[in-house]
């Protein structure tokens, strides 16, 4: 299946999973970023667990990182499986997660228990000053 066709299917699946839930303003911005493939960058302002204010930049038009990378590589896949609700709450990983650096990236990692599974959700960003570019978002289920 062609990458664009697969991406369209993933976006439709993402929209269906979210359904008619009432979203916060932040979740609405994330939802919009993950359901488009063109247009301007989405920005989110978040204070991380260490008190650092970040401006997270989310690209919707690149296969190499941002929403397309997450949808194609980790959303409901066998590699780093994440759900739509986890994606919509990705800023919680920044707000509550442990922070460390690896290979030039800042990693935010949050452990949470769901049913009998421990999920380690990882948000990988490239930070320049206070501007953070979303690279990936995945779990180690």
Protein backbone atom coordinates (compact mmCIF):
# COMPACT_ATOMS: atom_id res chain seq x y z
CA UNK A 1 0.00 0.00 0.00
CA UNK A 2 1.28 3.44 -0.91
CA UNK A 3 2.41 5.65 2.00
CA UNK A 4 -0.17 8.39 1.28
CA UNK A 5 -2.99 5.84 1.13
CA UNK A 6 -1.85 4.22 4.38
CA UNK A 7 -1.62 7.65 6.01
CA UNK A 8 -5.21 8.45 4.92
CA UNK A 9 -6.38 5.19 6.49
CA UNK A 10 -4.50 5.90 9.71
CA UNK A 11 -6.02 9.39 9.93
CA UNK A 12 -9.52 7.95 9.39
CA UNK A 13 -8.84 5.34 12.09
CA UNK A 14 -7.58 8.07 14.44
CA UNK A 15 -10.70 10.20 13.85
CA UNK A 16 -12.95 7.17 14.44
CA UNK A 17 -11.16 6.27 17.68
CA UNK A 18 -11.55 9.80 19.04
CA UNK A 19 -15.20 9.82 17.96
CA UNK A 20 -17.37 12.54 19.44
CA UNK A 21 -15.43 12.97 22.70
CA UNK A 22 -15.35 16.46 24.12
CA UNK A 23 -11.76 17.63 23.84
CA UNK A 24 -9.88 20.26 25.78
CA UNK A 25 -8.41 23.15 23.79
CA UNK A 26 -4.98 21.50 23.93
CA UNK A 27 -6.38 18.13 22.80
CA UNK A 28 -8.26 19.91 20.00
CA UNK A 29 -5.02 21.41 18.69
CA UNK A 30 -3.33 18.00 18.79
CA UNK A 31 -6.34 16.38 17.08
CA UNK A 32 -6.23 19.00 14.32
CA UNK A 33 -2.47 18.50 13.84
CA UNK A 34 -2.92 14.71 13.52
CA UNK A 35 -5.83 14.92 11.07
CA UNK A 36 -4.24 17.16 8.46
CA UNK A 37 -1.36 16.56 6.06
CA UNK A 38 -0.78 20.11 4.85
CA UNK A 39 -0.85 23.61 6.19
CA UNK A 40 0.88 25.48 8.96
CA UNK A 41 2.76 24.03 11.89
CA UNK A 42 0.85 23.51 15.16
CA UNK A 43 2.32 25.04 18.33
CA UNK A 44 1.66 23.98 21.91
CA UNK A 45 2.99 25.78 24.99
CA UNK A 46 3.80 23.39 27.83
CA UNK A 47 5.78 23.58 31.06
CA UNK A 48 7.78 20.41 31.58
CA UNK A 49 8.27 18.48 34.82
CA UNK A 50 11.44 20.50 35.58
CA UNK A 51 9.65 23.84 35.16
CA UNK A 52 11.03 24.62 31.71
CA UNK A 53 8.58 26.39 29.40
CA UNK A 54 8.54 24.81 25.96
CA UNK A 55 6.94 25.78 22.71
CA UNK A 56 6.35 22.46 20.96
CA UNK A 57 6.25 22.60 17.18
CA UNK A 58 4.28 19.81 15.49
CA UNK A 59 4.74 19.17 11.78
CA UNK A 60 1.85 17.55 9.92
CA UNK A 61 3.43 17.52 6.47
CA UNK A 62 6.61 15.42 6.91
CA UNK A 63 7.01 11.66 6.77
CA UNK A 64 10.29 11.83 8.71
CA UNK A 65 8.89 13.21 11.98
CA UNK A 66 5.86 14.67 13.69
CA UNK A 67 2.32 13.44 13.09
CA UNK A 68 2.95 11.39 9.96
CA UNK A 69 5.88 9.55 11.54
CA UNK A 70 3.81 8.79 14.65
CA UNK A 71 0.69 7.71 12.74
CA UNK A 72 2.60 5.49 10.31
CA UNK A 73 5.23 4.14 12.70
CA UNK A 74 3.54 3.84 16.09
CA UNK A 75 -0.22 4.46 16.02
CA UNK A 76 -1.80 1.01 16.41
CA UNK A 77 1.29 -0.77 15.10
CA UNK A 78 3.39 -3.59 16.51
CA UNK A 79 6.28 -1.17 17.10
CA UNK A 80 5.81 1.37 19.88
CA UNK A 81 1.99 1.05 19.87
CA UNK A 82 0.12 4.19 20.97
CA UNK A 83 -3.59 4.94 20.98
CA UNK A 84 -5.41 8.10 19.89
CA UNK A 85 -6.14 9.03 23.51
CA UNK A 86 -2.48 8.70 24.44
CA UNK A 87 -1.57 10.93 21.50
CA UNK A 88 -4.19 13.52 22.51
CA UNK A 89 -2.62 13.60 25.98
CA UNK A 90 1.01 13.71 24.86
CA UNK A 91 1.57 17.00 26.71
CA UNK A 92 0.97 15.13 29.98
CA UNK A 93 4.15 13.18 29.26
CA UNK A 94 6.02 16.51 29.13
CA UNK A 95 4.30 17.87 32.25
CA UNK A 96 4.71 14.73 34.39
CA UNK A 97 7.45 12.63 32.79
CA UNK A 98 11.07 12.12 33.67
CA UNK A 99 13.46 14.04 31.42
CA UNK A 100 16.73 12.82 29.97
CA UNK A 101 18.91 13.38 26.91
CA UNK A 102 19.99 10.77 24.37
CA UNK A 103 21.49 11.06 20.89
CA UNK A 104 20.84 14.81 20.69
CA UNK A 105 17.19 14.51 21.71
CA UNK A 106 15.36 15.39 24.88
CA UNK A 107 13.24 12.44 25.96
CA UNK A 108 10.23 12.66 28.24
CA UNK A 109 9.24 9.31 29.68
CA UNK A 110 6.13 8.63 31.73
CA UNK A 111 5.17 5.32 33.30
CA UNK A 112 1.51 4.56 33.79
CA UNK A 113 -0.41 1.46 34.70
CA UNK A 114 -3.47 0.52 32.69
CA UNK A 115 -5.29 -2.66 33.62
CA UNK A 116 -2.40 -5.11 34.16
CA UNK A 117 0.00 -3.42 31.76
CA UNK A 118 2.73 -0.90 32.54
CA UNK A 119 3.05 1.54 29.67
CA UNK A 120 6.18 3.59 29.22
CA UNK A 121 5.22 6.41 26.94
CA UNK A 122 8.11 8.30 25.41
CA UNK A 123 8.00 11.70 23.78
CA UNK A 124 11.15 12.45 21.79
CA UNK A 125 11.76 16.09 20.94
CA UNK A 126 14.64 18.08 19.52
CA UNK A 127 14.97 21.25 21.61
CA UNK A 128 16.66 24.45 20.48
CA UNK A 129 16.37 27.02 23.25
CA UNK A 130 12.76 26.75 24.36
CA UNK A 131 11.41 25.59 21.00
CA UNK A 132 10.86 21.85 20.83
CA UNK A 133 10.17 20.00 17.58
CA UNK A 134 8.08 16.85 18.06
CA UNK A 135 10.03 13.97 16.55
CA UNK A 136 8.19 10.90 17.78
CA UNK A 137 5.78 9.54 20.38
CA UNK A 138 5.66 5.86 21.24
CA UNK A 139 5.33 3.32 24.03
CA UNK A 140 7.26 0.19 24.89
CA UNK A 141 4.25 -2.08 25.30
